[in-house]
Amino acid sequence: MSFPKISKGTFEFYKNTNDVEILSMLQTIGVAEHVEHSFEDPTVYFSDLKQFFLLAKYQTGSKKNTQEIKYCLQCTQSSIVDNGFVYIHKDWYEGTYCYKHDCTLSIVLKTSKKASISALHDIFMGKHAVNSSFCEVETIPPLKKEIIARQGNYLAPCLVNTFKSFILDKNNKHPDDLFNKNYYSDSNLHQRHVLYKLYNSLEKSEHPVYMNFLSKNAKAKVINMGVIRSDSLREIVFKDKMSSCLDCMESRVSCALFDRRY
């Protein structure tokens, strides 16, 4: 990826940026391909970061015709205060409403390139474009759910399978007070959020049965998931001690450990 040159005497206005900050920005503006699932597994957001840099590096050409420009004035003004610049959200292009400020988006209809550039100049200054109007919204859409990063450990597919077997084994006595008995259902354990909730609850409880399972089966490994610099983003992944990444076919498509072995 090529970066613009910094003019002499302006270096203090710039800062080094790492993968975490860029990932957060991609998530905020809606560019990440798997926005709602970015933090479920390292391989998801790693692919988003990788795709972003590849597109930034190789995407060429320009469109002959202009397109509609949509924006939220309050967002642009807040961005100037917080970041010192304005960026266009992908969600604006696809929608008509700003969920953050609970208001209708402004729109600049398709026009000449000169007029579009003039409109963008006004928007990037935190002002309304001269030829803008408000988008038509028939009904106010429901508030968008906040994107919440999952808290807890990442489990490799091999440990997930071992943990499921452990939970479903009737010979194991589990602490019923920590989770609902419905978690024993095999169909429920196929749901990712149920499995992680159960795993994290047992981990925090330090229950003897769980601690015994952990010492016998789980192995922690720190992996580098950075794109700009390999060690700029690190994750801890727990894998099954008895499983071999070299022989695991499932890991080839869904495991961060396999993806970062090169």
Protein backbone atom coordinates (compact mmCIF):
# COMPACT_ATOMS: atom_id res chain seq x y z
CA MET A 1 0.00 0.00 0.00
CA SER A 2 1.38 3.40 -0.95
CA PHE A 3 1.02 6.28 1.49
CA PRO A 4 1.04 10.01 0.65
CA LYS A 5 4.24 11.90 1.35
CA ILE A 6 4.25 14.15 4.40
CA SER A 7 5.20 17.74 3.70
CA LYS A 8 8.09 19.25 5.61
CA GLY A 9 7.03 20.91 8.86
CA THR A 10 3.68 19.04 9.12
CA PHE A 11 4.83 15.77 10.70
CA GLU A 12 3.40 16.69 14.13
CA PHE A 13 -0.12 16.66 12.64
CA TYR A 14 0.13 12.93 11.80
CA LYS A 15 0.26 9.85 13.96
CA ASN A 16 1.16 6.21 13.43
CA THR A 17 -1.93 4.03 13.02
CA ASN A 18 -2.16 0.34 13.83
CA ASP A 19 -4.54 -2.41 12.74
CA VAL A 20 -6.82 -2.00 15.76
CA GLU A 21 -7.61 1.63 14.95
CA ILE A 22 -8.15 0.90 11.26
CA LEU A 23 -10.41 -2.07 12.06
CA SER A 24 -12.50 0.09 14.39
CA MET A 25 -12.83 2.74 11.69
CA LEU A 26 -13.83 0.16 9.06
CA GLN A 27 -16.47 -1.15 11.43
CA THR A 28 -17.76 2.34 12.20
CA ILE A 29 -18.16 3.44 8.57
CA GLY A 30 -19.58 0.10 7.44
CA VAL A 31 -16.79 -0.91 5.05
CA ALA A 32 -15.98 -4.20 6.80
CA GLU A 33 -17.58 -7.07 4.88
CA HIS A 34 -18.77 -8.89 8.02
CA VAL A 35 -19.54 -5.87 10.20
CA GLU A 36 -21.80 -7.58 12.74
CA HIS A 37 -19.49 -10.60 13.07
CA SER A 38 -16.07 -8.92 12.88
CA PHE A 39 -15.04 -9.88 16.41
CA GLU A 40 -16.49 -13.38 16.61
CA ASP A 41 -13.31 -14.93 15.26
CA PRO A 42 -9.88 -13.49 14.37
CA THR A 43 -10.08 -14.96 10.86
CA VAL A 44 -13.14 -12.79 10.10
CA TYR A 45 -11.64 -9.41 10.87
CA PHE A 46 -8.25 -10.48 9.51
CA SER A 47 -9.87 -11.13 6.12
CA ASP A 48 -11.60 -7.73 6.33
CA LEU A 49 -8.30 -5.95 7.00
CA LYS A 50 -6.53 -7.92 4.30
CA GLN A 51 -9.24 -7.17 1.74
CA PHE A 52 -9.19 -3.48 2.66
CA PHE A 53 -5.47 -3.14 2.00
CA LEU A 54 -5.58 -5.20 -1.18
CA LEU A 55 -8.41 -3.09 -2.55
CA ALA A 56 -6.65 0.10 -1.53
CA LYS A 57 -3.55 -1.09 -3.30
CA TYR A 58 -4.93 -2.46 -6.54
CA GLN A 59 -8.20 -0.68 -7.21
CA THR A 60 -7.81 1.60 -10.21
CA GLY A 61 -9.91 3.55 -12.66
CA SER A 62 -12.67 6.08 -12.18
CA LYS A 63 -16.35 6.31 -12.96
CA LYS A 64 -17.46 8.51 -15.83
CA ASN A 65 -20.72 9.53 -14.20
CA THR A 66 -21.28 11.04 -10.78
CA GLN A 67 -23.59 9.47 -8.21
CA GLU A 68 -25.80 10.72 -5.43
CA ILE A 69 -24.01 12.02 -2.35
CA LYS A 70 -25.66 11.37 1.00
CA TYR A 71 -24.45 12.68 4.33
CA CYS A 72 -25.41 13.56 7.89
CA LEU A 73 -24.36 17.12 8.76
CA GLN A 74 -24.07 16.34 12.47
CA CYS A 75 -21.78 13.37 11.75
CA THR A 76 -19.51 15.46 9.53
CA GLN A 77 -19.25 18.20 12.13
CA SER A 78 -18.52 15.70 14.92
CA SER A 79 -15.87 14.01 12.77
CA ILE A 80 -14.09 17.33 12.21
CA VAL A 81 -13.97 17.90 15.97
CA ASP A 82 -12.90 14.32 16.83
CA ASN A 83 -10.67 13.42 13.86
CA GLY A 84 -9.84 16.66 12.08
CA PHE A 85 -11.43 15.42 8.84
CA VAL A 86 -14.66 14.08 7.35
CA TYR A 87 -15.28 10.67 5.76
CA ILE A 88 -18.30 9.34 3.90
CA HIS A 89 -20.05 6.39 5.57
CA LYS A 90 -20.96 3.42 3.40
CA ASP A 91 -24.27 3.20 5.28
CA TRP A 92 -25.20 6.65 3.96
CA TYR A 93 -24.91 5.50 0.37
CA GLU A 94 -27.27 2.57 0.99
CA GLY A 95 -29.76 4.26 3.32
CA THR A 96 -31.75 7.41 3.99
CA TYR A 97 -31.43 7.76 7.75
CA CYS A 98 -28.73 8.43 10.36
CA TYR A 99 -29.31 6.14 13.33
CA LYS A 100 -26.67 7.84 15.46
CA HIS A 101 -28.31 11.28 15.39
CA ASP A 102 -31.87 10.08 14.73
CA CYS A 103 -32.33 12.23 11.63
CA THR A 104 -32.89 12.03 7.88
CA LEU A 105 -29.82 12.15 5.66
CA SER A 106 -29.17 15.03 3.29
CA ILE A 107 -28.71 14.22 -0.39
CA VAL A 108 -27.06 15.82 -3.42
CA LEU A 109 -28.59 14.37 -6.58
CA LYS A 110 -26.55 13.24 -9.59
CA THR A 111 -25.06 16.24 -11.30
CA SER A 112 -21.91 17.36 -13.11
CA LYS A 113 -18.48 16.46 -11.75
CA LYS A 114 -17.75 20.12 -11.07
CA ALA A 115 -20.94 20.51 -9.02
CA SER A 116 -20.29 17.24 -7.15
CA ILE A 117 -16.76 18.33 -6.24
CA SER A 118 -18.13 21.65 -5.03
CA ALA A 119 -20.74 19.82 -2.92
CA LEU A 120 -18.10 17.53 -1.41
CA HIS A 121 -15.96 20.57 -0.60
CA ASP A 122 -18.85 22.02 1.43
CA ILE A 123 -19.57 18.68 3.15
CA PHE A 124 -15.92 18.16 4.09
CA MET A 125 -15.95 21.65 5.61
CA GLY A 126 -18.86 20.60 7.84
CA LYS A 127 -21.42 22.66 5.93
CA HIS A 128 -24.55 21.86 3.96
CA ALA A 129 -23.97 21.57 0.22
CA VAL A 130 -25.70 24.40 -1.64
CA ASN A 131 -27.71 22.08 -3.90
CA SER A 132 -28.64 19.52 -1.23
CA SER A 133 -32.05 18.41 0.03
CA PHE A 134 -33.33 15.84 2.53
CA CYS A 135 -33.93 12.20 1.66
CA GLU A 136 -37.53 11.03 1.60
CA VAL A 137 -38.29 8.58 4.41
CA GLU A 138 -41.78 7.03 4.49
CA THR A 139 -41.41 5.64 8.02
CA ILE A 140 -38.77 6.15 10.66
CA PRO A 141 -36.66 2.94 10.68
CA PRO A 142 -36.01 1.14 13.98
CA LEU A 143 -32.82 2.01 15.81
CA LYS A 144 -29.91 -0.07 14.67
CA LYS A 145 -28.50 -2.50 17.22
CA GLU A 146 -25.11 -1.54 18.56
CA ILE A 147 -22.23 -3.69 17.38
CA ILE A 148 -20.70 -5.25 20.45
CA ALA A 149 -17.36 -7.00 20.40
CA ARG A 150 -17.49 -10.42 22.01
CA GLN A 151 -15.61 -10.58 25.28
CA GLY A 152 -13.71 -13.71 26.25
CA ASN A 153 -11.40 -16.24 24.67
CA TYR A 154 -11.26 -17.45 21.09
CA LEU A 155 -11.72 -21.20 20.78
CA ALA A 156 -10.24 -23.13 17.88
CA PRO A 157 -12.64 -25.56 16.14
CA CYS A 158 -10.82 -28.55 17.64
CA LEU A 159 -11.42 -27.34 21.21
CA VAL A 160 -15.02 -26.40 20.40
CA ASN A 161 -15.72 -30.01 19.43
CA THR A 162 -13.97 -31.35 22.53
CA PHE A 163 -15.88 -28.93 24.76
CA LYS A 164 -19.23 -29.95 23.24
CA SER A 165 -18.48 -33.59 23.96
CA PHE A 166 -17.48 -32.67 27.51
CA ILE A 167 -20.76 -30.81 28.15
CA LEU A 168 -22.94 -33.53 26.62
CA ASP A 169 -21.18 -36.36 28.50
CA LYS A 170 -23.72 -37.53 31.08
CA ASN A 171 -20.95 -38.82 33.33
CA ASN A 172 -19.79 -35.25 34.02
CA LYS A 173 -21.51 -33.37 36.83
CA HIS A 174 -21.91 -29.74 35.83
CA PRO A 175 -22.78 -26.77 38.10
CA ASP A 176 -26.49 -26.34 37.34
CA ASP A 177 -26.60 -23.01 39.13
CA LEU A 178 -24.30 -21.46 36.50
CA PHE A 179 -26.34 -22.11 33.37
CA ASN A 180 -29.74 -23.23 32.21
CA LYS A 181 -30.26 -26.96 31.65
CA ASN A 182 -31.28 -26.19 28.06
CA TYR A 183 -27.58 -25.72 27.32
CA TYR A 184 -27.28 -29.49 27.46
CA SER A 185 -29.20 -29.65 24.19
CA ASP A 186 -26.97 -30.54 21.26
CA SER A 187 -28.94 -28.17 19.01
CA ASN A 188 -28.32 -25.24 21.37
CA LEU A 189 -24.61 -25.92 21.54
CA HIS A 190 -24.42 -25.46 17.77
CA GLN A 191 -25.26 -21.80 18.38
CA ARG A 192 -21.98 -19.94 18.78
CA HIS A 193 -23.15 -17.41 21.37
CA VAL A 194 -24.60 -20.18 23.58
CA LEU A 195 -21.36 -22.16 23.47
CA TYR A 196 -19.20 -19.14 24.32
CA LYS A 197 -21.52 -18.00 27.10
CA LEU A 198 -21.33 -21.45 28.66
CA TYR A 199 -17.54 -21.69 28.24
CA ASN A 200 -16.92 -18.24 29.74
CA SER A 201 -19.30 -18.88 32.66
CA LEU A 202 -17.49 -22.08 33.57
CA GLU A 203 -14.10 -20.42 33.21
CA LYS A 204 -15.02 -17.63 35.62
CA SER A 205 -16.52 -20.07 38.14
CA GLU A 206 -13.26 -22.04 38.50
CA HIS A 207 -15.41 -25.11 39.12
CA PRO A 208 -13.26 -28.24 39.77
CA VAL A 209 -14.88 -30.22 36.93
CA TYR A 210 -14.16 -27.44 34.47
CA MET A 211 -10.62 -26.78 35.75
CA ASN A 212 -9.87 -30.48 35.26
CA PHE A 213 -11.16 -30.28 31.68
CA LEU A 214 -9.09 -27.15 31.03
CA SER A 215 -5.83 -28.63 32.32
CA LYS A 216 -6.27 -31.83 30.30
CA ASN A 217 -7.54 -30.41 27.02
CA ALA A 218 -6.92 -26.68 26.49
CA LYS A 219 -3.70 -25.09 25.34
CA ALA A 220 -3.28 -21.32 24.89
CA LYS A 221 -1.34 -19.93 21.96
CA VAL A 222 -0.60 -16.28 21.13
CA ILE A 223 -0.89 -15.55 17.40
CA ASN A 224 -0.09 -12.43 15.39
CA MET A 225 -3.08 -11.17 13.39
CA GLY A 226 -1.68 -7.84 12.14
CA VAL A 227 -1.73 -6.80 8.50
CA ILE A 228 0.23 -3.53 8.57
CA ARG A 229 2.77 -5.18 10.88
CA SER A 230 2.38 -8.79 11.91
CA ASP A 231 2.75 -8.16 15.66
CA SER A 232 0.58 -5.01 15.77
CA LEU A 233 -2.51 -7.10 16.59
CA ARG A 234 -2.29 -10.20 18.80
CA GLU A 235 -4.91 -12.70 19.93
CA ILE A 236 -4.93 -15.61 22.35
CA VAL A 237 -6.51 -18.74 20.87
CA PHE A 238 -7.22 -21.89 22.88
CA LYS A 239 -6.80 -25.19 21.02
CA ASP A 240 -7.14 -28.86 21.89
CA LYS A 241 -3.82 -30.18 23.25
CA MET A 242 -4.24 -33.49 21.43
CA SER A 243 -5.11 -32.01 18.01
CA SER A 244 -2.57 -31.38 15.26
CA CYS A 245 -3.04 -28.32 13.05
CA LEU A 246 -1.22 -30.13 10.24
CA ASP A 247 -3.79 -32.94 10.17
CA CYS A 248 -6.92 -30.84 10.81
CA MET A 249 -9.03 -30.32 7.68
CA GLU A 250 -11.61 -28.14 9.47
CA SER A 251 -8.95 -25.59 10.49
CA ARG A 252 -8.15 -24.86 6.86
CA VAL A 253 -11.32 -22.78 6.54
CA SER A 254 -12.20 -21.66 10.05
CA CYS A 255 -9.16 -21.56 12.32
CA ALA A 256 -6.96 -18.56 13.07
CA LEU A 257 -4.10 -20.86 14.10
CA PHE A 258 -3.94 -22.51 10.71
CA ASP A 259 -4.39 -19.22 8.84
CA ARG A 260 -1.36 -17.67 10.59
CA ARG A 261 1.09 -20.60 10.44
CA TYR A 262 2.94 -19.17 7.40
